[in-house]
Amino acid sequence: MDNRNLFVVDGLERLISSMQQSKLLRCAITDCSWAFKFMSLNEIHDCYEAFRRHCVDMHELALDDSETTMSLDTQSWMMRLAKADC
């Protein structure tokens, strides 16, 4: 395995390890109490779905909005909602 592949594998191992320790993702919007508890990477799709429903219900995201993106910040374990650059 070359150095680039080792870097990717090491990064994934660190991500999985930190996820196993954290187990809780939060909404990055100030004063928002939404959180999603998970046990493994297999649940990340469920997390994105739950976060999208939360944003529709609490942060006025339109159901058919295709310009807004959701992202996962693994440094702070926050889900972020951002308007996509057009």
C-alpha atoms as a PDB file:
ATOM      1  CA  MET A   1       0.000   0.000   0.000  1.00  0.00           C
ATOM      2  CA  ASP A   2       1.419   3.437  -0.907  1.00  0.00           C
ATOM      3  CA  ASN A   3       1.598   6.457   1.419  1.00  0.00           C
ATOM      4  CA  ARG A   4      -1.543   8.028  -0.015  1.00  0.00           C
ATOM      5  CA  ASN A   5      -3.603   4.926   0.726  1.00  0.00           C
ATOM      6  CA  LEU A   6      -2.107   4.677   4.211  1.00  0.00           C
ATOM      7  CA  PHE A   7      -3.129   8.309   4.830  1.00  0.00           C
ATOM      8  CA  VAL A   8      -6.736   7.568   3.780  1.00  0.00           C
ATOM      9  CA  VAL A   9      -6.931   4.411   5.890  1.00  0.00           C
ATOM     10  CA  ASP A  10      -5.432   6.208   8.900  1.00  0.00           C
ATOM     11  CA  GLY A  11      -7.944   9.054   8.474  1.00  0.00           C
ATOM     12  CA  LEU A  12     -10.867   6.636   8.324  1.00  0.00           C
ATOM     13  CA  GLU A  13      -9.642   4.804  11.402  1.00  0.00           C
ATOM     14  CA  ARG A  14      -9.389   8.099  13.317  1.00  0.00           C
ATOM     15  CA  LEU A  15     -12.872   9.129  12.127  1.00  0.00           C
ATOM     16  CA  ILE A  16     -14.403   5.815  13.205  1.00  0.00           C
ATOM     17  CA  SER A  17     -12.619   5.952  16.548  1.00  0.00           C
ATOM     18  CA  SER A  18     -13.826   9.482  17.274  1.00  0.00           C
ATOM     19  CA  MET A  19     -17.378   8.580  16.196  1.00  0.00           C
ATOM     20  CA  GLN A  20     -17.384   5.664  18.596  1.00  0.00           C
ATOM     21  CA  GLN A  21     -16.367   8.012  21.387  1.00  0.00           C
ATOM     22  CA  SER A  22     -18.733  10.872  20.485  1.00  0.00           C
ATOM     23  CA  LYS A  23     -21.959   9.115  19.432  1.00  0.00           C
ATOM     24  CA  LEU A  24     -23.826  12.438  19.325  1.00  0.00           C
ATOM     25  CA  LEU A  25     -24.151  14.913  16.468  1.00  0.00           C
ATOM     26  CA  ARG A  26     -25.627  18.354  17.062  1.00  0.00           C
ATOM     27  CA  CYS A  27     -27.080  21.112  14.898  1.00  0.00           C
ATOM     28  CA  ALA A  28     -24.548  23.928  14.402  1.00  0.00           C
ATOM     29  CA  ILE A  29     -27.182  26.696  14.593  1.00  0.00           C
ATOM     30  CA  THR A  30     -26.718  28.662  17.821  1.00  0.00           C
ATOM     31  CA  ASP A  31     -29.174  27.767  20.606  1.00  0.00           C
ATOM     32  CA  CYS A  32     -30.565  24.789  18.665  1.00  0.00           C
ATOM     33  CA  SER A  33     -31.003  21.694  20.812  1.00  0.00           C
ATOM     34  CA  TRP A  34     -31.272  19.089  17.999  1.00  0.00           C
ATOM     35  CA  ALA A  35     -29.013  16.096  18.417  1.00  0.00           C
ATOM     36  CA  PHE A  36     -28.708  12.677  16.767  1.00  0.00           C
ATOM     37  CA  LYS A  37     -27.284   9.725  18.660  1.00  0.00           C
ATOM     38  CA  PHE A  38     -25.600   7.049  16.555  1.00  0.00           C
ATOM     39  CA  MET A  39     -23.636   3.894  17.100  1.00  0.00           C
ATOM     40  CA  SER A  40     -21.804   3.416  13.768  1.00  0.00           C
ATOM     41  CA  LEU A  41     -21.083   4.854  10.321  1.00  0.00           C
ATOM     42  CA  ASN A  42     -23.957   2.737   8.994  1.00  0.00           C
ATOM     43  CA  GLU A  43     -26.368   5.229  10.562  1.00  0.00           C
ATOM     44  CA  ILE A  44     -24.964   8.346   8.863  1.00  0.00           C
ATOM     45  CA  HIS A  45     -27.666   8.212   6.148  1.00  0.00           C
ATOM     46  CA  ASP A  46     -30.346   8.150   8.867  1.00  0.00           C
ATOM     47  CA  CYS A  47     -28.614  11.110  10.496  1.00  0.00           C
ATOM     48  CA  TYR A  48     -28.767  13.188   7.309  1.00  0.00           C
ATOM     49  CA  GLU A  49     -32.471  12.338   6.894  1.00  0.00           C
ATOM     50  CA  ALA A  50     -33.233  13.262  10.512  1.00  0.00           C
ATOM     51  CA  PHE A  51     -31.252  16.499  10.186  1.00  0.00           C
ATOM     52  CA  ARG A  52     -33.100  17.459   7.002  1.00  0.00           C
ATOM     53  CA  ARG A  53     -36.486  16.840   8.684  1.00  0.00           C
ATOM     54  CA  HIS A  54     -35.311  18.918  11.640  1.00  0.00           C
ATOM     55  CA  CYS A  55     -34.272  21.795   9.356  1.00  0.00           C
ATOM     56  CA  VAL A  56     -37.638  21.709   7.568  1.00  0.00           C
ATOM     57  CA  ASP A  57     -39.511  21.762  10.890  1.00  0.00           C
ATOM     58  CA  MET A  58     -37.346  24.192  12.860  1.00  0.00           C
ATOM     59  CA  HIS A  59     -35.238  26.281  10.461  1.00  0.00           C
ATOM     60  CA  GLU A  60     -37.719  26.921   7.619  1.00  0.00           C
ATOM     61  CA  LEU A  61     -35.977  24.778   5.004  1.00  0.00           C
ATOM     62  CA  ALA A  62     -38.331  24.103   2.087  1.00  0.00           C
ATOM     63  CA  LEU A  63     -39.047  20.427   1.410  1.00  0.00           C
ATOM     64  CA  ASP A  64     -38.070  20.800  -2.253  1.00  0.00           C
ATOM     65  CA  ASP A  65     -34.967  22.947  -1.630  1.00  0.00           C
ATOM     66  CA  SER A  66     -32.162  21.667  -3.843  1.00  0.00           C
ATOM     67  CA  GLU A  67     -29.763  24.605  -3.345  1.00  0.00           C
ATOM     68  CA  THR A  68     -29.130  24.070   0.356  1.00  0.00           C
ATOM     69  CA  THR A  69     -26.484  21.590   1.450  1.00  0.00           C
ATOM     70  CA  MET A  70     -26.034  19.709   4.692  1.00  0.00           C
ATOM     71  CA  SER A  71     -22.577  18.869   5.889  1.00  0.00           C
ATOM     72  CA  LEU A  72     -20.976  16.995   8.747  1.00  0.00           C
ATOM     73  CA  ASP A  73     -18.152  18.679  10.670  1.00  0.00           C
ATOM     74  CA  THR A  74     -16.220  15.829  12.286  1.00  0.00           C
ATOM     75  CA  GLN A  75     -14.025  18.211  14.300  1.00  0.00           C
ATOM     76  CA  SER A  76     -16.909  19.576  16.376  1.00  0.00           C
ATOM     77  CA  TRP A  77     -19.508  16.846  15.593  1.00  0.00           C
ATOM     78  CA  MET A  78     -21.942  19.386  14.178  1.00  0.00           C
ATOM     79  CA  MET A  79     -24.314  19.196  11.235  1.00  0.00           C
ATOM     80  CA  ARG A  80     -24.379  22.403   9.196  1.00  0.00           C
ATOM     81  CA  LEU A  81     -26.943  23.785   6.787  1.00  0.00           C
ATOM     82  CA  ALA A  82     -25.625  26.117   4.083  1.00  0.00           C
ATOM     83  CA  LYS A  83     -26.936  27.737   0.930  1.00  0.00           C
ATOM     84  CA  ALA A  84     -25.058  26.235  -2.034  1.00  0.00           C
ATOM     85  CA  ASP A  85     -23.029  28.537  -4.274  1.00  0.00           C
ATOM     86  CA  CYS A  86     -24.880  29.023  -7.552  1.00  0.00           C
END
